[in-house]
Amino acid sequence: MKIKDCSLVRDLLPNYIDKVTSSETNVFIEEHLKNCEECRKSFENMSEKMEVNYESKENKKINIFRKVNKKIRILKTIIIIIILILIIIFVRNIAIINNIENMASKVNYNNYSKIMIETTEKYISKTEYYQNNDNFIKINTKMNEEGISKVISYRINGQEDMRIFDNGVENQDINKTSIEKDVQYQFLNKSFFGNIGIALSFGSVKNITLYNKPCYLLNVDNYLNFIDKETGLTIKEININNNSVIDYKYTFGDITDEKIEDLINNL
């Protein structure tokens, strides 16, 4: 009978240790363990092994938890670094854009000249503009497959006129539009929020050298704008969409009324 009880108890011990046996079974097992040293040793050994297994499982869970936490900390660190880099890029870009706009707005346009050469797949255009206070002359020459056309408009001492030539022949039949001063070209025509959008764009503002001049290269709406760091003025523009290129050249303070009159008289 004792052998049968021992065999039954040992079969029940795993469930007893896991506390899934009934109260009546627990009483039976505990009474048996009091009187059976061999079963009691089996119980102790089994309890130790199950405790070790439990601790091993717990350790594995803890290790997994630690690894997950470590990965989360690394991910948080990476995100923070990326955010800091974006903030630095934004602050740098917005400072450069504001600096460019401030420089361009301080340029004295009362006396200056601008030569603009535009090259596209269909035509080449050269625009010359000379201004001294209210007196100015604008000469636009365009060459394409149809020939060469030229539009000249000027204002001198309150008198103004416009002349149009097609292949060297003056055209008198074309309606002449009103004559206005040249509108200063700015690399940006953006709102405050538009400038913020540019500043947030990665790689939108770079340092570069063009024609031996330190420049900013701005990538804005598929336009590459090369900005002179000294003046804030665009000296080259590339339209990526249609592969057109515009070069700008400026001079300041050397335009006289006599020079404008000479240009008019030599038309």
C-alpha atoms as a PDB file:
ATOM      1  CA  MET A   1       0.000   0.000   0.000  1.00  0.00           C
ATOM      2  CA  LYS A   2       2.870   2.357   0.837  1.00  0.00           C
ATOM      3  CA  ILE A   3       4.412   1.754  -2.579  1.00  0.00           C
ATOM      4  CA  LYS A   4       1.167   2.643  -4.262  1.00  0.00           C
ATOM      5  CA  ASP A   5       0.855   5.789  -2.153  1.00  0.00           C
ATOM      6  CA  CYS A   6       4.443   6.812  -2.982  1.00  0.00           C
ATOM      7  CA  SER A   7       3.855   6.306  -6.686  1.00  0.00           C
ATOM      8  CA  LEU A   8       0.632   8.346  -6.557  1.00  0.00           C
ATOM      9  CA  VAL A   9       2.212  11.142  -4.529  1.00  0.00           C
ATOM     10  CA  ARG A  10       5.199  11.461  -6.867  1.00  0.00           C
ATOM     11  CA  ASP A  11       2.834  11.678  -9.820  1.00  0.00           C
ATOM     12  CA  LEU A  12       0.916  14.442  -8.051  1.00  0.00           C
ATOM     13  CA  LEU A  13       3.959  16.396  -6.826  1.00  0.00           C
ATOM     14  CA  PRO A  14       4.389  18.574  -9.980  1.00  0.00           C
ATOM     15  CA  ASN A  15       0.763  19.693  -9.755  1.00  0.00           C
ATOM     16  CA  TYR A  16       1.093  20.129  -5.996  1.00  0.00           C
ATOM     17  CA  ILE A  17       4.141  22.348  -6.428  1.00  0.00           C
ATOM     18  CA  ASP A  18       2.290  24.363  -9.058  1.00  0.00           C
ATOM     19  CA  LYS A  19      -0.635  24.638  -6.608  1.00  0.00           C
ATOM     20  CA  VAL A  20      -3.243  23.214  -8.933  1.00  0.00           C
ATOM     21  CA  THR A  21      -4.320  20.237  -6.736  1.00  0.00           C
ATOM     22  CA  SER A  22      -7.478  20.239  -4.634  1.00  0.00           C
ATOM     23  CA  SER A  23      -7.473  20.823  -0.877  1.00  0.00           C
ATOM     24  CA  GLU A  24      -8.250  17.144  -0.172  1.00  0.00           C
ATOM     25  CA  THR A  25      -5.353  16.080  -2.374  1.00  0.00           C
ATOM     26  CA  ASN A  26      -3.068  18.560  -0.647  1.00  0.00           C
ATOM     27  CA  VAL A  27      -3.942  17.060   2.749  1.00  0.00           C
ATOM     28  CA  PHE A  28      -3.210  13.587   1.446  1.00  0.00           C
ATOM     29  CA  ILE A  29       0.147  14.628  -0.057  1.00  0.00           C
ATOM     30  CA  GLU A  30       1.260  16.597   2.992  1.00  0.00           C
ATOM     31  CA  GLU A  31       0.395  13.765   5.385  1.00  0.00           C
ATOM     32  CA  HIS A  32       2.340  11.377   3.199  1.00  0.00           C
ATOM     33  CA  LEU A  33       5.367  13.670   3.033  1.00  0.00           C
ATOM     34  CA  LYS A  34       5.469  13.830   6.829  1.00  0.00           C
ATOM     35  CA  ASN A  35       5.854  10.107   7.095  1.00  0.00           C
ATOM     36  CA  CYS A  36       7.850   9.310   3.931  1.00  0.00           C
ATOM     37  CA  GLU A  37      11.399  10.576   3.809  1.00  0.00           C
ATOM     38  CA  GLU A  38      12.000   9.316   0.279  1.00  0.00           C
ATOM     39  CA  CYS A  39       9.005  11.158  -1.140  1.00  0.00           C
ATOM     40  CA  ARG A  40       9.921  14.215   0.900  1.00  0.00           C
ATOM     41  CA  LYS A  41      13.384  14.252  -0.758  1.00  0.00           C
ATOM     42  CA  SER A  42      11.754  13.830  -4.141  1.00  0.00           C
ATOM     43  CA  PHE A  43       9.539  16.798  -3.331  1.00  0.00           C
ATOM     44  CA  GLU A  44      12.524  18.929  -2.293  1.00  0.00           C
ATOM     45  CA  ASN A  45      14.531  18.004  -5.388  1.00  0.00           C
ATOM     46  CA  MET A  46      11.586  18.598  -7.655  1.00  0.00           C
ATOM     47  CA  SER A  47      10.854  21.941  -5.987  1.00  0.00           C
ATOM     48  CA  GLU A  48      14.469  23.081  -6.460  1.00  0.00           C
ATOM     49  CA  LYS A  49      14.486  22.081 -10.141  1.00  0.00           C
ATOM     50  CA  MET A  50      11.176  23.789 -10.787  1.00  0.00           C
ATOM     51  CA  GLU A  51      12.423  26.891  -8.948  1.00  0.00           C
ATOM     52  CA  VAL A  52      15.552  26.930 -11.119  1.00  0.00           C
ATOM     53  CA  ASN A  53      13.465  26.520 -14.260  1.00  0.00           C
ATOM     54  CA  TYR A  54      11.161  29.282 -13.102  1.00  0.00           C
ATOM     55  CA  GLU A  55      14.069  31.600 -12.385  1.00  0.00           C
ATOM     56  CA  SER A  56      15.585  30.738 -15.770  1.00  0.00           C
ATOM     57  CA  LYS A  57      12.350  31.616 -17.506  1.00  0.00           C
ATOM     58  CA  GLU A  58      12.066  34.814 -15.518  1.00  0.00           C
ATOM     59  CA  ASN A  59      15.650  35.712 -16.361  1.00  0.00           C
ATOM     60  CA  LYS A  60      14.932  35.166 -20.034  1.00  0.00           C
ATOM     61  CA  LYS A  61      11.900  37.443 -19.788  1.00  0.00           C
ATOM     62  CA  ILE A  62      13.976  40.054 -17.984  1.00  0.00           C
ATOM     63  CA  ASN A  63      16.744  39.832 -20.597  1.00  0.00           C
ATOM     64  CA  ILE A  64      14.223  40.193 -23.410  1.00  0.00           C
ATOM     65  CA  PHE A  65      12.672  43.161 -21.621  1.00  0.00           C
ATOM     66  CA  ARG A  66      16.097  44.731 -21.169  1.00  0.00           C
ATOM     67  CA  LYS A  67      16.938  44.253 -24.847  1.00  0.00           C
ATOM     68  CA  VAL A  68      13.640  45.816 -25.893  1.00  0.00           C
ATOM     69  CA  ASN A  69      14.222  48.745 -23.534  1.00  0.00           C
ATOM     70  CA  LYS A  70      17.735  49.196 -24.891  1.00  0.00           C
ATOM     71  CA  LYS A  71      16.448  49.281 -28.468  1.00  0.00           C
ATOM     72  CA  ILE A  72      13.757  51.787 -27.474  1.00  0.00           C
ATOM     73  CA  ARG A  73      16.386  54.000 -25.806  1.00  0.00           C
ATOM     74  CA  ILE A  74      18.588  53.814 -28.918  1.00  0.00           C
ATOM     75  CA  LEU A  75      15.605  54.642 -31.140  1.00  0.00           C
ATOM     76  CA  LYS A  76      14.687  57.608 -28.914  1.00  0.00           C
ATOM     77  CA  THR A  77      18.271  58.850 -29.045  1.00  0.00           C
ATOM     78  CA  ILE A  78      18.321  58.582 -32.851  1.00  0.00           C
ATOM     79  CA  ILE A  79      15.009  60.445 -33.114  1.00  0.00           C
ATOM     80  CA  ILE A  80      16.256  63.203 -30.793  1.00  0.00           C
ATOM     81  CA  ILE A  81      19.487  63.537 -32.812  1.00  0.00           C
ATOM     82  CA  ILE A  82      17.511  63.746 -36.082  1.00  0.00           C
ATOM     83  CA  ILE A  83      15.201  66.391 -34.602  1.00  0.00           C
ATOM     84  CA  LEU A  84      18.189  68.420 -33.356  1.00  0.00           C
ATOM     85  CA  ILE A  85      19.845  68.199 -36.790  1.00  0.00           C
ATOM     86  CA  LEU A  86      16.620  69.366 -38.479  1.00  0.00           C
ATOM     87  CA  ILE A  87      16.324  72.258 -36.028  1.00  0.00           C
ATOM     88  CA  ILE A  88      19.936  73.284 -36.688  1.00  0.00           C
ATOM     89  CA  ILE A  89      19.377  73.070 -40.473  1.00  0.00           C
ATOM     90  CA  PHE A  90      16.155  75.092 -40.194  1.00  0.00           C
ATOM     91  CA  VAL A  91      17.725  77.834 -38.052  1.00  0.00           C
ATOM     92  CA  ARG A  92      20.737  78.036 -40.407  1.00  0.00           C
ATOM     93  CA  ASN A  93      18.595  78.175 -43.554  1.00  0.00           C
ATOM     94  CA  ILE A  94      16.123  80.736 -42.239  1.00  0.00           C
ATOM     95  CA  ALA A  95      19.033  82.925 -41.087  1.00  0.00           C
ATOM     96  CA  ILE A  96      20.613  82.735 -44.559  1.00  0.00           C
ATOM     97  CA  ILE A  97      17.308  83.521 -46.308  1.00  0.00           C
ATOM     98  CA  ASN A  98      16.663  86.517 -44.051  1.00  0.00           C
ATOM     99  CA  ASN A  99      20.225  87.726 -44.601  1.00  0.00           C
ATOM    100  CA  ILE A 100      19.854  87.473 -48.382  1.00  0.00           C
ATOM    101  CA  GLU A 101      16.575  89.395 -48.354  1.00  0.00           C
ATOM    102  CA  ASN A 102      18.032  92.086 -46.087  1.00  0.00           C
ATOM    103  CA  MET A 103      21.077  92.558 -48.335  1.00  0.00           C
ATOM    104  CA  ALA A 104      19.006  92.680 -51.535  1.00  0.00           C
ATOM    105  CA  SER A 105      16.621  95.230 -50.022  1.00  0.00           C
ATOM    106  CA  LYS A 106      19.518  97.568 -49.100  1.00  0.00           C
ATOM    107  CA  VAL A 107      20.919  97.764 -52.641  1.00  0.00           C
ATOM    108  CA  ASN A 108      20.640 101.253 -54.150  1.00  0.00           C
ATOM    109  CA  TYR A 109      18.716 100.820 -57.389  1.00  0.00           C
ATOM    110  CA  ASN A 110      18.649 104.543 -58.260  1.00  0.00           C
ATOM    111  CA  ASN A 111      21.806 104.169 -60.327  1.00  0.00           C
ATOM    112  CA  TYR A 112      22.683 100.782 -61.740  1.00  0.00           C
ATOM    113  CA  SER A 113      22.794  98.559 -64.788  1.00  0.00           C
ATOM    114  CA  LYS A 114      21.766  94.947 -65.265  1.00  0.00           C
ATOM    115  CA  ILE A 115      22.548  92.609 -68.128  1.00  0.00           C
ATOM    116  CA  MET A 116      20.515  89.413 -68.253  1.00  0.00           C
ATOM    117  CA  ILE A 117      21.224  86.618 -70.748  1.00  0.00           C
ATOM    118  CA  GLU A 118      18.681  83.819 -70.984  1.00  0.00           C
ATOM    119  CA  THR A 119      19.410  80.625 -72.900  1.00  0.00           C
ATOM    120  CA  THR A 120      16.715  78.040 -73.680  1.00  0.00           C
ATOM    121  CA  GLU A 121      16.238  75.290 -76.235  1.00  0.00           C
ATOM    122  CA  LYS A 122      14.131  77.638 -78.408  1.00  0.00           C
ATOM    123  CA  TYR A 123      15.798  81.038 -78.125  1.00  0.00           C
ATOM    124  CA  ILE A 124      18.555  83.193 -76.693  1.00  0.00           C
ATOM    125  CA  SER A 125      17.597  86.497 -75.133  1.00  0.00           C
ATOM    126  CA  LYS A 126      19.740  89.391 -73.912  1.00  0.00           C
ATOM    127  CA  THR A 127      18.244  92.180 -71.834  1.00  0.00           C
ATOM    128  CA  GLU A 128      20.225  95.318 -70.996  1.00  0.00           C
ATOM    129  CA  TYR A 129      18.901  97.798 -68.495  1.00  0.00           C
ATOM    130  CA  TYR A 130      20.490 101.110 -67.483  1.00  0.00           C
ATOM    131  CA  GLN A 131      18.967 103.489 -64.963  1.00  0.00           C
ATOM    132  CA  ASN A 132      19.867 106.820 -63.389  1.00  0.00           C
ATOM    133  CA  ASN A 133      17.079 107.947 -61.062  1.00  0.00           C
ATOM    134  CA  ASP A 134      14.004 108.470 -63.309  1.00  0.00           C
ATOM    135  CA  ASN A 135      15.896 108.115 -66.596  1.00  0.00           C
ATOM    136  CA  PHE A 136      16.387 104.639 -68.019  1.00  0.00           C
ATOM    137  CA  ILE A 137      16.675 102.525 -71.137  1.00  0.00           C
ATOM    138  CA  LYS A 138      15.836  98.857 -71.612  1.00  0.00           C
ATOM    139  CA  ILE A 139      17.048  96.899 -74.634  1.00  0.00           C
ATOM    140  CA  ASN A 140      15.827  93.365 -75.193  1.00  0.00           C
ATOM    141  CA  THR A 141      17.317  91.344 -78.057  1.00  0.00           C
ATOM    142  CA  LYS A 142      15.890  87.906 -78.833  1.00  0.00           C
ATOM    143  CA  MET A 143      17.228  85.410 -81.353  1.00  0.00           C
ATOM    144  CA  ASN A 144      15.352  82.267 -82.474  1.00  0.00           C
ATOM    145  CA  GLU A 145      14.680  80.283 -85.648  1.00  0.00           C
ATOM    146  CA  GLU A 146      12.589  83.128 -87.088  1.00  0.00           C
ATOM    147  CA  GLY A 147      15.400  85.648 -86.789  1.00  0.00           C
ATOM    148  CA  ILE A 148      16.330  88.471 -84.446  1.00  0.00           C
ATOM    149  CA  SER A 149      13.851  90.778 -82.761  1.00  0.00           C
ATOM    150  CA  LYS A 150      14.615  93.784 -80.601  1.00  0.00           C
ATOM    151  CA  VAL A 151      12.427  95.799 -78.230  1.00  0.00           C
ATOM    152  CA  ILE A 152      13.750  99.103 -76.922  1.00  0.00           C
ATOM    153  CA  SER A 153      11.967 101.253 -74.366  1.00  0.00           C
ATOM    154  CA  TYR A 154      13.294 104.321 -72.628  1.00  0.00           C
ATOM    155  CA  ARG A 155      12.504 107.396 -70.591  1.00  0.00           C
ATOM    156  CA  ILE A 156      14.778 110.427 -70.608  1.00  0.00           C
ATOM    157  CA  ASN A 157      13.985 113.863 -69.152  1.00  0.00           C
ATOM    158  CA  GLY A 158      10.274 113.079 -68.992  1.00  0.00           C
ATOM    159  CA  GLN A 159      10.070 111.867 -72.605  1.00  0.00           C
ATOM    160  CA  GLU A 160       9.526 108.188 -73.294  1.00  0.00           C
ATOM    161  CA  ASP A 161       9.203 105.938 -76.305  1.00  0.00           C
ATOM    162  CA  MET A 162       9.283 102.315 -77.409  1.00  0.00           C
ATOM    163  CA  ARG A 163      10.782 100.964 -80.650  1.00  0.00           C
ATOM    164  CA  ILE A 164      10.401  97.443 -81.998  1.00  0.00           C
ATOM    165  CA  PHE A 165      12.567  95.828 -84.688  1.00  0.00           C
ATOM    166  CA  ASP A 166      12.138  92.515 -86.532  1.00  0.00           C
ATOM    167  CA  ASN A 167      15.284  91.364 -88.332  1.00  0.00           C
ATOM    168  CA  GLY A 168      16.592  94.941 -88.391  1.00  0.00           C
ATOM    169  CA  VAL A 169      13.358  96.479 -89.743  1.00  0.00           C
ATOM    170  CA  GLU A 170      11.416  98.758 -87.427  1.00  0.00           C
ATOM    171  CA  ASN A 171       7.838  97.617 -86.945  1.00  0.00           C
ATOM    172  CA  GLN A 172       5.403 100.542 -86.712  1.00  0.00           C
ATOM    173  CA  ASP A 173       2.189  98.490 -86.601  1.00  0.00           C
ATOM    174  CA  ILE A 174       2.627  96.821 -83.228  1.00  0.00           C
ATOM    175  CA  ASN A 175       0.807  98.368 -80.278  1.00  0.00           C
ATOM    176  CA  LYS A 176       3.253  99.822 -77.799  1.00  0.00           C
ATOM    177  CA  THR A 177       2.658  99.013 -74.181  1.00  0.00           C
ATOM    178  CA  SER A 178       3.166 101.453 -71.325  1.00  0.00           C
ATOM    179  CA  ILE A 179       6.782 101.990 -70.361  1.00  0.00           C
ATOM    180  CA  GLU A 180       7.694 101.094 -66.816  1.00  0.00           C
ATOM    181  CA  LYS A 181      10.906 100.886 -64.848  1.00  0.00           C
ATOM    182  CA  ASP A 182      12.507  97.519 -64.426  1.00  0.00           C
ATOM    183  CA  VAL A 183      11.070  95.430 -61.608  1.00  0.00           C
ATOM    184  CA  GLN A 184      13.882  94.242 -59.391  1.00  0.00           C
ATOM    185  CA  TYR A 185      14.274  90.508 -59.541  1.00  0.00           C
ATOM    186  CA  GLN A 186      14.259  88.745 -56.206  1.00  0.00           C
ATOM    187  CA  PHE A 187      15.212  85.098 -55.914  1.00  0.00           C
ATOM    188  CA  LEU A 188      12.161  84.516 -53.732  1.00  0.00           C
ATOM    189  CA  ASN A 189       8.633  85.748 -54.033  1.00  0.00           C
ATOM    190  CA  LYS A 190       7.496  83.849 -50.998  1.00  0.00           C
ATOM    191  CA  SER A 191       5.436  84.539 -47.917  1.00  0.00           C
ATOM    192  CA  PHE A 192       6.807  84.073 -44.409  1.00  0.00           C
ATOM    193  CA  PHE A 193       5.453  80.524 -44.324  1.00  0.00           C
ATOM    194  CA  GLY A 194       6.845  79.896 -47.806  1.00  0.00           C
ATOM    195  CA  ASN A 195      10.306  80.802 -46.529  1.00  0.00           C
ATOM    196  CA  ILE A 196       9.817  78.423 -43.621  1.00  0.00           C
ATOM    197  CA  GLY A 197       8.971  75.640 -46.082  1.00  0.00           C
ATOM    198  CA  ILE A 198      12.197  76.317 -47.983  1.00  0.00           C
ATOM    199  CA  ALA A 199      14.218  76.422 -44.773  1.00  0.00           C
ATOM    200  CA  LEU A 200      12.830  73.044 -43.728  1.00  0.00           C
ATOM    201  CA  SER A 201      13.758  71.391 -47.039  1.00  0.00           C
ATOM    202  CA  PHE A 202      16.893  69.287 -46.660  1.00  0.00           C
ATOM    203  CA  GLY A 203      19.641  70.436 -49.028  1.00  0.00           C
ATOM    204  CA  SER A 204      17.744  73.549 -50.155  1.00  0.00           C
ATOM    205  CA  VAL A 205      20.559  75.945 -49.135  1.00  0.00           C
ATOM    206  CA  LYS A 206      24.217  75.248 -49.910  1.00  0.00           C
ATOM    207  CA  ASN A 207      27.499  77.154 -50.039  1.00  0.00           C
ATOM    208  CA  ILE A 208      29.160  77.246 -53.444  1.00  0.00           C
ATOM    209  CA  THR A 209      31.572  79.299 -55.556  1.00  0.00           C
ATOM    210  CA  LEU A 210      30.469  80.637 -58.964  1.00  0.00           C
ATOM    211  CA  TYR A 211      32.515  82.939 -61.210  1.00  0.00           C
ATOM    212  CA  ASN A 212      35.047  83.147 -58.366  1.00  0.00           C
ATOM    213  CA  LYS A 213      32.350  84.578 -56.089  1.00  0.00           C
ATOM    214  CA  PRO A 214      31.184  83.021 -52.824  1.00  0.00           C
ATOM    215  CA  CYS A 215      27.520  82.189 -53.355  1.00  0.00           C
ATOM    216  CA  TYR A 216      24.522  80.514 -51.819  1.00  0.00           C
ATOM    217  CA  LEU A 217      22.852  77.883 -53.952  1.00  0.00           C
ATOM    218  CA  LEU A 218      19.126  77.738 -53.277  1.00  0.00           C
ATOM    219  CA  ASN A 219      16.929  74.990 -54.667  1.00  0.00           C
ATOM    220  CA  VAL A 220      13.440  76.501 -54.785  1.00  0.00           C
ATOM    221  CA  ASP A 221      10.523  74.958 -56.703  1.00  0.00           C
ATOM    222  CA  ASN A 222      12.857  73.300 -59.247  1.00  0.00           C
ATOM    223  CA  TYR A 223      14.819  76.526 -59.696  1.00  0.00           C
ATOM    224  CA  LEU A 224      18.510  76.660 -58.846  1.00  0.00           C
ATOM    225  CA  ASN A 225      19.336  80.180 -57.697  1.00  0.00           C
ATOM    226  CA  PHE A 226      22.958  81.252 -57.270  1.00  0.00           C
ATOM    227  CA  ILE A 227      22.980  84.202 -54.845  1.00  0.00           C
ATOM    228  CA  ASP A 228      25.980  86.503 -54.449  1.00  0.00           C
ATOM    229  CA  LYS A 229      26.860  86.515 -50.736  1.00  0.00           C
ATOM    230  CA  GLU A 230      28.056  90.125 -50.908  1.00  0.00           C
ATOM    231  CA  THR A 231      24.934  91.667 -52.457  1.00  0.00           C
ATOM    232  CA  GLY A 232      22.129  89.126 -51.970  1.00  0.00           C
ATOM    233  CA  LEU A 233      21.412  89.337 -55.724  1.00  0.00           C
ATOM    234  CA  THR A 234      20.920  86.424 -58.081  1.00  0.00           C
ATOM    235  CA  ILE A 235      23.796  86.025 -60.524  1.00  0.00           C
ATOM    236  CA  LYS A 236      22.570  82.804 -62.147  1.00  0.00           C
ATOM    237  CA  GLU A 237      19.289  80.938 -62.343  1.00  0.00           C
ATOM    238  CA  ILE A 238      18.612  77.475 -63.756  1.00  0.00           C
ATOM    239  CA  ASN A 239      15.096  76.243 -64.418  1.00  0.00           C
ATOM    240  CA  ILE A 240      15.281  72.467 -64.058  1.00  0.00           C
ATOM    241  CA  ASN A 241      11.874  71.944 -65.681  1.00  0.00           C
ATOM    242  CA  ASN A 242      12.697  73.478 -69.066  1.00  0.00           C
ATOM    243  CA  ASN A 243      16.527  73.526 -68.883  1.00  0.00           C
ATOM    244  CA  SER A 244      16.682  77.304 -69.253  1.00  0.00           C
ATOM    245  CA  VAL A 245      19.645  79.266 -67.860  1.00  0.00           C
ATOM    246  CA  ILE A 246      19.737  82.956 -66.968  1.00  0.00           C
ATOM    247  CA  ASP A 247      22.944  84.824 -66.147  1.00  0.00           C
ATOM    248  CA  TYR A 248      22.861  88.211 -64.425  1.00  0.00           C
ATOM    249  CA  LYS A 249      25.503  90.917 -64.261  1.00  0.00           C
ATOM    250  CA  TYR A 250      25.155  94.130 -62.262  1.00  0.00           C
ATOM    251  CA  THR A 251      27.033  97.416 -61.915  1.00  0.00           C
ATOM    252  CA  PHE A 252      26.205 100.219 -59.500  1.00  0.00           C
ATOM    253  CA  GLY A 253      26.883 103.949 -59.384  1.00  0.00           C
ATOM    254  CA  ASP A 254      28.389 104.515 -62.849  1.00  0.00           C
ATOM    255  CA  ILE A 255      25.309 105.241 -65.010  1.00  0.00           C
ATOM    256  CA  THR A 256      24.890 108.853 -66.220  1.00  0.00           C
ATOM    257  CA  ASP A 257      22.151 110.582 -68.184  1.00  0.00           C
ATOM    258  CA  GLU A 258      24.711 111.146 -70.944  1.00  0.00           C
ATOM    259  CA  LYS A 259      25.309 107.410 -71.235  1.00  0.00           C
ATOM    260  CA  ILE A 260      21.583 106.740 -71.510  1.00  0.00           C
ATOM    261  CA  GLU A 261      21.241 109.490 -74.164  1.00  0.00           C
ATOM    262  CA  ASP A 262      24.155 108.042 -76.144  1.00  0.00           C
ATOM    263  CA  LEU A 263      22.484 104.622 -76.148  1.00  0.00           C
ATOM    264  CA  ILE A 264      19.255 106.167 -77.395  1.00  0.00           C
ATOM    265  CA  ASN A 265      21.008 108.185 -80.107  1.00  0.00           C
ATOM    266  CA  ASN A 266      22.844 105.084 -81.350  1.00  0.00           C
ATOM    267  CA  LEU A 267      19.672 103.070 -81.911  1.00  0.00           C
END
